[in-house]
N, C-alpha and C. Protein backbone atom coordinates (compact mmCIF):
# COMPACT_ATOMS: atom_id res chain seq x y z
N MET A 1 -24.92 -10.84 -31.94
CA MET A 1 -25.42 -12.08 -31.37
C MET A 1 -25.10 -12.14 -29.88
N SER A 2 -25.95 -12.76 -29.15
CA SER A 2 -25.77 -12.91 -27.71
C SER A 2 -24.53 -13.73 -27.39
N ALA A 3 -23.71 -13.24 -26.47
CA ALA A 3 -22.55 -14.00 -26.01
C ALA A 3 -23.00 -15.26 -25.28
N ILE A 4 -24.14 -15.18 -24.61
CA ILE A 4 -24.66 -16.34 -23.87
C ILE A 4 -25.18 -17.40 -24.83
N LEU A 5 -25.89 -16.97 -25.86
CA LEU A 5 -26.54 -17.91 -26.76
C LEU A 5 -25.69 -18.33 -27.96
N ARG A 6 -24.47 -17.77 -28.05
CA ARG A 6 -23.57 -18.13 -29.16
C ARG A 6 -23.37 -19.64 -29.22
N THR A 7 -23.21 -20.26 -28.07
CA THR A 7 -23.17 -21.72 -27.97
C THR A 7 -24.52 -22.15 -27.44
N PRO A 8 -25.23 -23.01 -28.15
CA PRO A 8 -26.57 -23.42 -27.71
C PRO A 8 -26.54 -24.07 -26.33
N ALA A 9 -27.58 -23.83 -25.57
CA ALA A 9 -27.71 -24.45 -24.25
C ALA A 9 -27.89 -25.95 -24.40
N ALA A 10 -27.41 -26.68 -23.42
CA ALA A 10 -27.56 -28.14 -23.42
C ALA A 10 -29.01 -28.53 -23.23
N SER A 11 -29.33 -29.72 -23.64
CA SER A 11 -30.67 -30.24 -23.39
C SER A 11 -30.84 -30.42 -21.88
N PRO A 12 -32.08 -30.47 -21.39
CA PRO A 12 -32.29 -30.70 -19.96
C PRO A 12 -31.60 -31.97 -19.47
N ALA A 13 -31.61 -33.04 -20.25
CA ALA A 13 -30.97 -34.29 -19.81
C ALA A 13 -29.46 -34.12 -19.67
N VAL A 14 -28.83 -33.44 -20.63
CA VAL A 14 -27.39 -33.21 -20.56
C VAL A 14 -27.06 -32.28 -19.39
N ALA A 15 -27.88 -31.24 -19.21
CA ALA A 15 -27.66 -30.31 -18.10
C ALA A 15 -27.80 -31.03 -16.76
N PHE A 16 -28.83 -31.87 -16.63
CA PHE A 16 -29.02 -32.61 -15.39
C PHE A 16 -27.82 -33.51 -15.11
N ALA A 17 -27.35 -34.24 -16.10
CA ALA A 17 -26.20 -35.14 -15.91
C ALA A 17 -24.98 -34.34 -15.46
N HIS A 18 -24.78 -33.18 -16.06
CA HIS A 18 -23.64 -32.33 -15.71
C HIS A 18 -23.73 -31.88 -14.25
N PHE A 19 -24.86 -31.28 -13.88
CA PHE A 19 -24.99 -30.73 -12.53
C PHE A 19 -25.05 -31.82 -11.47
N ALA A 20 -25.72 -32.92 -11.75
CA ALA A 20 -25.77 -34.03 -10.79
C ALA A 20 -24.37 -34.62 -10.62
N GLY A 21 -23.62 -34.70 -11.70
CA GLY A 21 -22.25 -35.20 -11.60
C GLY A 21 -21.39 -34.32 -10.72
N ARG A 22 -21.53 -33.03 -10.87
CA ARG A 22 -20.76 -32.11 -10.02
C ARG A 22 -21.17 -32.24 -8.56
N LEU A 23 -22.48 -32.34 -8.30
CA LEU A 23 -22.94 -32.47 -6.92
C LEU A 23 -22.47 -33.77 -6.27
N ALA A 24 -22.17 -34.77 -7.08
CA ALA A 24 -21.68 -36.04 -6.54
C ALA A 24 -20.25 -35.92 -6.03
N VAL A 25 -19.51 -34.90 -6.49
CA VAL A 25 -18.12 -34.75 -6.07
C VAL A 25 -17.82 -33.40 -5.42
N GLU A 26 -18.84 -32.57 -5.24
CA GLU A 26 -18.66 -31.26 -4.63
C GLU A 26 -19.70 -31.01 -3.56
N THR A 27 -19.32 -30.20 -2.58
CA THR A 27 -20.23 -29.68 -1.59
C THR A 27 -19.76 -28.26 -1.28
N ASP A 28 -20.60 -27.45 -0.67
CA ASP A 28 -20.14 -26.09 -0.39
C ASP A 28 -19.93 -25.88 1.10
N VAL A 29 -19.33 -24.75 1.43
CA VAL A 29 -18.97 -24.49 2.82
C VAL A 29 -20.19 -24.42 3.73
N ALA A 30 -21.30 -23.91 3.24
CA ALA A 30 -22.51 -23.83 4.07
C ALA A 30 -23.03 -25.21 4.42
N ASP A 31 -23.00 -26.15 3.47
CA ASP A 31 -23.46 -27.51 3.76
C ASP A 31 -22.52 -28.20 4.74
N VAL A 32 -21.22 -27.99 4.59
CA VAL A 32 -20.26 -28.58 5.53
C VAL A 32 -20.48 -28.00 6.92
N ALA A 33 -20.64 -26.68 7.02
CA ALA A 33 -20.86 -26.05 8.32
C ALA A 33 -22.13 -26.58 8.98
N ARG A 34 -23.18 -26.72 8.20
CA ARG A 34 -24.45 -27.23 8.75
C ARG A 34 -24.28 -28.65 9.28
N ASP A 35 -23.65 -29.53 8.48
CA ASP A 35 -23.47 -30.92 8.92
C ASP A 35 -22.59 -31.01 10.16
N LEU A 36 -21.51 -30.22 10.21
CA LEU A 36 -20.66 -30.23 11.39
C LEU A 36 -21.41 -29.72 12.61
N ALA A 37 -22.17 -28.64 12.46
CA ALA A 37 -22.92 -28.08 13.59
C ALA A 37 -23.98 -29.05 14.11
N GLU A 38 -24.56 -29.83 13.19
CA GLU A 38 -25.60 -30.78 13.58
C GLU A 38 -25.04 -32.14 13.99
N GLY A 39 -23.72 -32.29 13.93
CA GLY A 39 -23.10 -33.55 14.32
C GLY A 39 -23.45 -34.72 13.42
N VAL A 40 -23.68 -34.44 12.14
CA VAL A 40 -24.04 -35.48 11.18
C VAL A 40 -22.90 -36.50 11.10
N SER A 41 -23.25 -37.77 11.14
CA SER A 41 -22.23 -38.81 11.02
C SER A 41 -22.06 -39.19 9.55
N GLY A 42 -20.97 -39.88 9.26
CA GLY A 42 -20.73 -40.36 7.90
C GLY A 42 -19.82 -39.48 7.07
N VAL A 43 -19.27 -38.42 7.68
CA VAL A 43 -18.43 -37.47 6.94
C VAL A 43 -17.16 -37.19 7.75
N VAL A 44 -16.03 -37.17 7.07
CA VAL A 44 -14.77 -36.73 7.67
C VAL A 44 -14.25 -35.58 6.83
N VAL A 45 -14.04 -34.42 7.45
CA VAL A 45 -13.52 -33.25 6.75
C VAL A 45 -12.00 -33.26 6.88
N VAL A 46 -11.32 -33.14 5.74
CA VAL A 46 -9.86 -33.23 5.71
C VAL A 46 -9.27 -31.98 5.07
N ASP A 47 -8.40 -31.32 5.83
CA ASP A 47 -7.63 -30.18 5.34
C ASP A 47 -6.35 -30.74 4.73
N VAL A 48 -6.14 -30.51 3.43
CA VAL A 48 -4.98 -31.07 2.74
C VAL A 48 -3.85 -30.05 2.56
N ARG A 49 -3.96 -28.91 3.22
CA ARG A 49 -2.95 -27.86 3.09
C ARG A 49 -1.71 -28.17 3.94
N SER A 50 -0.73 -27.31 3.85
CA SER A 50 0.51 -27.46 4.61
C SER A 50 0.26 -27.25 6.10
N LYS A 51 1.22 -27.68 6.92
CA LYS A 51 1.10 -27.48 8.37
C LYS A 51 1.04 -25.99 8.70
N GLU A 52 1.81 -25.18 7.98
CA GLU A 52 1.81 -23.74 8.24
C GLU A 52 0.42 -23.15 7.99
N SER A 53 -0.23 -23.57 6.91
CA SER A 53 -1.57 -23.08 6.62
C SER A 53 -2.57 -23.58 7.66
N TRP A 54 -2.48 -24.87 8.02
CA TRP A 54 -3.34 -25.45 9.06
C TRP A 54 -3.21 -24.65 10.35
N ASP A 55 -1.97 -24.34 10.75
CA ASP A 55 -1.73 -23.61 12.00
C ASP A 55 -2.33 -22.21 11.98
N GLN A 56 -2.40 -21.59 10.80
CA GLN A 56 -2.97 -20.24 10.70
C GLN A 56 -4.48 -20.25 10.87
N GLY A 57 -5.11 -21.39 10.65
CA GLY A 57 -6.55 -21.51 10.84
C GLY A 57 -7.10 -22.62 9.98
N HIS A 58 -8.09 -23.33 10.54
CA HIS A 58 -8.70 -24.45 9.83
C HIS A 58 -10.13 -24.64 10.31
N VAL A 59 -10.85 -25.49 9.62
CA VAL A 59 -12.23 -25.81 9.97
C VAL A 59 -12.23 -26.62 11.27
N PRO A 60 -12.92 -26.16 12.31
CA PRO A 60 -12.97 -26.94 13.55
C PRO A 60 -13.58 -28.32 13.28
N GLY A 61 -12.92 -29.34 13.81
CA GLY A 61 -13.40 -30.70 13.60
C GLY A 61 -12.75 -31.39 12.41
N ALA A 62 -12.03 -30.63 11.59
CA ALA A 62 -11.33 -31.23 10.45
C ALA A 62 -10.09 -31.96 10.95
N VAL A 63 -9.63 -32.90 10.14
CA VAL A 63 -8.34 -33.53 10.41
C VAL A 63 -7.35 -33.01 9.38
N HIS A 64 -6.09 -33.00 9.76
CA HIS A 64 -5.06 -32.46 8.88
C HIS A 64 -4.27 -33.60 8.25
N ILE A 65 -4.42 -33.76 6.94
CA ILE A 65 -3.65 -34.75 6.19
C ILE A 65 -3.19 -34.06 4.90
N PRO A 66 -1.97 -33.54 4.89
CA PRO A 66 -1.46 -32.91 3.66
C PRO A 66 -1.50 -33.90 2.49
N VAL A 67 -1.63 -33.38 1.30
CA VAL A 67 -1.72 -34.22 0.10
C VAL A 67 -0.59 -35.26 0.09
N SER A 68 0.62 -34.86 0.46
CA SER A 68 1.77 -35.76 0.41
C SER A 68 1.67 -36.92 1.39
N GLU A 69 0.75 -36.85 2.35
CA GLU A 69 0.60 -37.90 3.37
C GLU A 69 -0.66 -38.75 3.19
N ILE A 70 -1.45 -38.48 2.17
CA ILE A 70 -2.71 -39.20 2.00
C ILE A 70 -2.50 -40.69 1.77
N ALA A 71 -1.47 -41.06 1.06
CA ALA A 71 -1.23 -42.47 0.76
C ALA A 71 -1.11 -43.32 2.02
N SER A 72 -0.68 -42.72 3.13
CA SER A 72 -0.53 -43.47 4.37
C SER A 72 -1.67 -43.19 5.36
N ALA A 73 -2.69 -42.48 4.92
CA ALA A 73 -3.82 -42.15 5.79
C ALA A 73 -4.64 -43.40 6.10
N THR A 74 -5.19 -43.43 7.30
CA THR A 74 -6.06 -44.54 7.70
C THR A 74 -7.37 -43.97 8.21
N LEU A 75 -8.24 -43.66 7.30
CA LEU A 75 -9.57 -43.17 7.63
C LEU A 75 -10.58 -44.27 7.35
N PRO A 76 -11.73 -44.24 8.01
CA PRO A 76 -12.74 -45.28 7.76
C PRO A 76 -13.30 -45.21 6.34
N PHE A 77 -13.38 -46.35 5.68
CA PHE A 77 -13.87 -46.40 4.31
C PHE A 77 -15.38 -46.22 4.22
N ASP A 78 -16.09 -46.31 5.36
CA ASP A 78 -17.54 -46.13 5.32
C ASP A 78 -17.94 -44.66 5.47
N GLN A 79 -16.98 -43.76 5.52
CA GLN A 79 -17.23 -42.33 5.63
C GLN A 79 -16.99 -41.65 4.29
N VAL A 80 -17.69 -40.56 4.02
CA VAL A 80 -17.40 -39.73 2.86
C VAL A 80 -16.35 -38.72 3.29
N ILE A 81 -15.26 -38.66 2.55
CA ILE A 81 -14.18 -37.73 2.85
C ILE A 81 -14.48 -36.41 2.13
N VAL A 82 -14.44 -35.31 2.86
CA VAL A 82 -14.62 -33.98 2.28
C VAL A 82 -13.28 -33.26 2.39
N VAL A 83 -12.67 -32.99 1.25
CA VAL A 83 -11.35 -32.35 1.24
C VAL A 83 -11.48 -30.86 0.94
N TYR A 84 -10.55 -30.10 1.51
CA TYR A 84 -10.46 -28.68 1.16
C TYR A 84 -9.02 -28.23 1.20
N CYS A 85 -8.74 -27.19 0.41
CA CYS A 85 -7.45 -26.53 0.46
C CYS A 85 -7.72 -25.05 0.73
N TRP A 86 -6.85 -24.17 0.25
CA TRP A 86 -6.99 -22.77 0.58
C TRP A 86 -8.19 -22.11 -0.10
N SER A 87 -8.28 -22.19 -1.44
CA SER A 87 -9.26 -21.37 -2.14
C SER A 87 -9.60 -21.98 -3.50
N PRO A 88 -10.53 -21.34 -4.21
CA PRO A 88 -10.80 -21.81 -5.57
C PRO A 88 -9.59 -21.68 -6.48
N GLY A 89 -8.62 -20.87 -6.08
CA GLY A 89 -7.43 -20.66 -6.90
C GLY A 89 -6.33 -21.68 -6.68
N CYS A 90 -6.56 -22.68 -5.84
CA CYS A 90 -5.55 -23.71 -5.64
C CYS A 90 -6.16 -25.06 -5.98
N ASN A 91 -5.34 -26.00 -6.40
CA ASN A 91 -5.88 -27.30 -6.77
C ASN A 91 -5.51 -28.41 -5.78
N GLY A 92 -5.13 -28.03 -4.59
CA GLY A 92 -4.81 -29.01 -3.56
C GLY A 92 -5.98 -29.92 -3.24
N ALA A 93 -7.19 -29.38 -3.22
CA ALA A 93 -8.37 -30.22 -2.93
C ALA A 93 -8.59 -31.24 -4.04
N GLN A 94 -8.37 -30.84 -5.28
CA GLN A 94 -8.51 -31.79 -6.39
C GLN A 94 -7.44 -32.88 -6.29
N GLN A 95 -6.22 -32.47 -5.97
CA GLN A 95 -5.15 -33.45 -5.79
C GLN A 95 -5.48 -34.41 -4.64
N GLY A 96 -5.95 -33.85 -3.53
CA GLY A 96 -6.31 -34.68 -2.39
C GLY A 96 -7.49 -35.58 -2.69
N GLY A 97 -8.49 -35.04 -3.36
CA GLY A 97 -9.65 -35.85 -3.72
C GLY A 97 -9.28 -37.00 -4.63
N ALA A 98 -8.42 -36.72 -5.61
CA ALA A 98 -7.97 -37.78 -6.51
C ALA A 98 -7.19 -38.85 -5.75
N ALA A 99 -6.34 -38.42 -4.82
CA ALA A 99 -5.54 -39.38 -4.05
C ALA A 99 -6.43 -40.26 -3.18
N PHE A 100 -7.41 -39.66 -2.50
CA PHE A 100 -8.33 -40.47 -1.68
C PHE A 100 -9.16 -41.40 -2.55
N ALA A 101 -9.64 -40.92 -3.68
CA ALA A 101 -10.44 -41.77 -4.58
C ALA A 101 -9.61 -42.94 -5.10
N ARG A 102 -8.36 -42.68 -5.43
CA ARG A 102 -7.46 -43.74 -5.91
C ARG A 102 -7.30 -44.84 -4.86
N LEU A 103 -7.40 -44.45 -3.57
CA LEU A 103 -7.28 -45.42 -2.48
C LEU A 103 -8.60 -46.13 -2.17
N GLY A 104 -9.67 -45.74 -2.86
CA GLY A 104 -10.96 -46.40 -2.68
C GLY A 104 -11.95 -45.66 -1.81
N TYR A 105 -11.65 -44.44 -1.42
CA TYR A 105 -12.57 -43.64 -0.60
C TYR A 105 -13.59 -42.94 -1.48
N ARG A 106 -14.79 -42.73 -0.94
CA ARG A 106 -15.75 -41.83 -1.55
C ARG A 106 -15.37 -40.44 -1.08
N VAL A 107 -15.33 -39.48 -2.00
CA VAL A 107 -14.77 -38.18 -1.65
C VAL A 107 -15.52 -37.06 -2.35
N LYS A 108 -15.61 -35.93 -1.66
CA LYS A 108 -16.15 -34.70 -2.22
C LYS A 108 -15.20 -33.55 -1.90
N GLU A 109 -15.22 -32.56 -2.75
CA GLU A 109 -14.44 -31.34 -2.52
C GLU A 109 -15.34 -30.27 -1.91
N MET A 110 -14.85 -29.58 -0.87
CA MET A 110 -15.56 -28.43 -0.33
C MET A 110 -15.16 -27.24 -1.20
N ILE A 111 -16.07 -26.89 -2.15
CA ILE A 111 -15.74 -25.81 -3.08
C ILE A 111 -15.65 -24.48 -2.32
N GLY A 112 -14.74 -23.66 -2.77
CA GLY A 112 -14.48 -22.39 -2.10
C GLY A 112 -13.33 -22.51 -1.13
N GLY A 113 -13.10 -23.73 -0.62
CA GLY A 113 -11.99 -23.97 0.29
C GLY A 113 -12.07 -23.17 1.58
N PHE A 114 -10.95 -23.13 2.27
CA PHE A 114 -10.90 -22.44 3.55
C PHE A 114 -11.16 -20.94 3.39
N GLU A 115 -10.76 -20.38 2.26
CA GLU A 115 -10.99 -18.95 2.03
C GLU A 115 -12.47 -18.61 2.18
N TYR A 116 -13.34 -19.39 1.52
CA TYR A 116 -14.76 -19.07 1.59
C TYR A 116 -15.37 -19.51 2.91
N TRP A 117 -14.80 -20.51 3.55
CA TRP A 117 -15.24 -20.87 4.90
C TRP A 117 -15.08 -19.64 5.80
N ALA A 118 -13.90 -19.05 5.78
CA ALA A 118 -13.63 -17.88 6.62
C ALA A 118 -14.43 -16.67 6.16
N LYS A 119 -14.53 -16.44 4.85
CA LYS A 119 -15.26 -15.28 4.34
C LYS A 119 -16.73 -15.32 4.72
N GLU A 120 -17.31 -16.52 4.83
CA GLU A 120 -18.72 -16.61 5.21
C GLU A 120 -18.93 -16.53 6.71
N GLY A 121 -17.85 -16.34 7.47
CA GLY A 121 -17.96 -16.11 8.90
C GLY A 121 -18.11 -17.37 9.73
N PHE A 122 -17.78 -18.53 9.16
CA PHE A 122 -17.86 -19.76 9.94
C PHE A 122 -16.68 -19.82 10.92
N PRO A 123 -16.79 -20.61 11.98
CA PRO A 123 -15.72 -20.64 12.98
C PRO A 123 -14.40 -21.13 12.40
N VAL A 124 -13.32 -20.53 12.88
CA VAL A 124 -11.96 -20.87 12.47
C VAL A 124 -11.19 -21.27 13.72
N GLU A 125 -10.61 -22.46 13.69
CA GLU A 125 -9.79 -22.92 14.81
C GLU A 125 -8.34 -22.58 14.53
N LEU A 126 -7.69 -22.00 15.53
CA LEU A 126 -6.29 -21.60 15.40
C LEU A 126 -5.37 -22.68 15.97
N ARG A 127 -4.08 -22.51 15.75
CA ARG A 127 -3.07 -23.48 16.20
C ARG A 127 -3.21 -23.82 17.67
N ASP A 128 -3.51 -22.82 18.51
CA ASP A 128 -3.58 -23.05 19.95
C ASP A 128 -4.93 -23.62 20.40
N GLY A 129 -5.81 -23.91 19.46
CA GLY A 129 -7.10 -24.51 19.81
C GLY A 129 -8.22 -23.50 20.03
N THR A 130 -7.89 -22.21 20.05
CA THR A 130 -8.96 -21.23 20.19
C THR A 130 -9.76 -21.17 18.90
N VAL A 131 -11.05 -20.89 19.05
CA VAL A 131 -11.94 -20.82 17.90
C VAL A 131 -12.47 -19.39 17.81
N ARG A 132 -12.38 -18.82 16.64
CA ARG A 132 -12.85 -17.45 16.41
C ARG A 132 -13.73 -17.42 15.18
N ARG A 133 -14.54 -16.40 15.12
CA ARG A 133 -15.31 -16.11 13.91
C ARG A 133 -14.79 -14.80 13.36
N ARG A 134 -14.48 -14.80 12.11
CA ARG A 134 -14.03 -13.57 11.46
C ARG A 134 -15.25 -12.83 10.93
N ALA A 135 -15.06 -11.56 10.63
CA ALA A 135 -16.16 -10.77 10.07
C ALA A 135 -16.60 -11.38 8.74
N VAL A 136 -17.89 -11.38 8.51
CA VAL A 136 -18.45 -11.91 7.27
C VAL A 136 -18.12 -10.96 6.12
N ASP A 137 -17.62 -11.51 5.03
CA ASP A 137 -17.39 -10.73 3.83
C ASP A 137 -18.75 -10.41 3.23
N PRO A 138 -19.11 -9.15 3.06
CA PRO A 138 -20.44 -8.81 2.58
C PRO A 138 -20.76 -9.31 1.17
N LEU A 139 -19.75 -9.70 0.41
CA LEU A 139 -20.01 -10.21 -0.93
C LEU A 139 -20.41 -11.68 -0.94
N VAL A 140 -20.13 -12.40 0.13
CA VAL A 140 -20.40 -13.84 0.11
C VAL A 140 -21.24 -14.34 1.26
N GLY A 141 -21.31 -13.62 2.36
CA GLY A 141 -21.92 -14.19 3.55
C GLY A 141 -23.21 -13.58 3.98
N ASN A 142 -23.77 -14.19 4.98
CA ASN A 142 -25.01 -13.78 5.60
C ASN A 142 -24.70 -12.65 6.59
N LEU A 143 -25.26 -11.50 6.37
CA LEU A 143 -24.95 -10.34 7.20
C LEU A 143 -25.94 -10.09 8.32
N SER A 144 -27.11 -10.73 8.31
CA SER A 144 -28.11 -10.40 9.31
C SER A 144 -27.98 -11.32 10.51
N ALA A 145 -28.24 -10.78 11.68
CA ALA A 145 -28.17 -11.56 12.91
C ALA A 145 -29.28 -12.59 12.97
N GLU A 146 -30.38 -12.37 12.27
CA GLU A 146 -31.51 -13.30 12.31
C GLU A 146 -31.33 -14.50 11.41
N GLY A 147 -30.33 -14.49 10.55
CA GLY A 147 -30.10 -15.64 9.69
C GLY A 147 -30.65 -15.49 8.29
N ALA A 148 -31.36 -14.39 7.99
CA ALA A 148 -31.85 -14.18 6.62
C ALA A 148 -30.69 -13.70 5.76
N GLU A 149 -30.76 -13.96 4.50
CA GLU A 149 -29.69 -13.53 3.60
C GLU A 149 -29.59 -12.02 3.59
N GLY A 150 -28.39 -11.53 3.71
CA GLY A 150 -28.14 -10.10 3.66
C GLY A 150 -27.86 -9.66 2.23
N PRO A 151 -27.64 -8.37 2.03
CA PRO A 151 -27.37 -7.86 0.69
C PRO A 151 -26.07 -8.42 0.15
N VAL A 152 -25.97 -8.46 -1.15
CA VAL A 152 -24.79 -9.01 -1.80
C VAL A 152 -24.05 -7.90 -2.57
N GLY A 153 -24.21 -6.69 -2.16
CA GLY A 153 -23.46 -5.59 -2.74
C GLY A 153 -23.75 -5.32 -4.20
N GLY A 154 -24.92 -5.70 -4.69
CA GLY A 154 -25.29 -5.41 -6.06
C GLY A 154 -24.59 -6.27 -7.10
N VAL A 155 -23.91 -7.31 -6.67
CA VAL A 155 -23.20 -8.16 -7.63
C VAL A 155 -24.19 -8.75 -8.61
N GLY A 156 -23.87 -8.61 -9.88
CA GLY A 156 -24.70 -9.20 -10.93
C GLY A 156 -25.84 -8.31 -11.37
N VAL A 157 -26.01 -7.15 -10.75
CA VAL A 157 -27.11 -6.27 -11.13
C VAL A 157 -26.50 -4.98 -11.66
N GLY A 158 -26.41 -4.90 -12.98
CA GLY A 158 -25.91 -3.68 -13.60
C GLY A 158 -24.46 -3.38 -13.27
N VAL A 159 -23.65 -4.39 -13.07
CA VAL A 159 -22.25 -4.17 -12.74
C VAL A 159 -21.50 -3.74 -14.00
N ALA A 160 -20.82 -2.61 -13.93
CA ALA A 160 -20.06 -2.12 -15.07
C ALA A 160 -18.92 -3.06 -15.38
N GLY A 161 -18.68 -3.27 -16.66
CA GLY A 161 -17.57 -4.12 -17.07
C GLY A 161 -17.81 -5.58 -16.80
N GLY A 162 -19.06 -5.98 -16.65
CA GLY A 162 -19.40 -7.34 -16.28
C GLY A 162 -19.28 -8.33 -17.40
N GLY A 163 -18.58 -8.04 -18.45
CA GLY A 163 -18.28 -9.09 -19.38
C GLY A 163 -18.88 -8.99 -20.68
């Protein structure tokens, strides 16, 4: 029996509710980068990591409010707060998002965190204020200078041991 079909797929209505619900509380690094580059108003990007992590590099334009300091944060309530931590392997963004929501803020998590921000080659601001772009990770980012999607290293196409 198919491993995929062992559990029946949800109905379209259930699937829509699931995915729409996730989109209401998540955004990705490309959407955040686009909004920041275009100067879109209504969003505040918040890095909830430690000062040491912030100093090593962060999203330009983000504000630094570690999870432990969110309770005393004073951000505008008419803005959507976008939180991020290091990576998908840490739950700091979820902790930060829950803390902001508990205070009455509308909040979304930047999925992938700072790790995927940097891997996709978006600008990284360092402690001294300099901004750099790191090399794009070929498994996640756009490799072409023209902006078209580059190769993804064959991921998902005949990968041995893929499950």
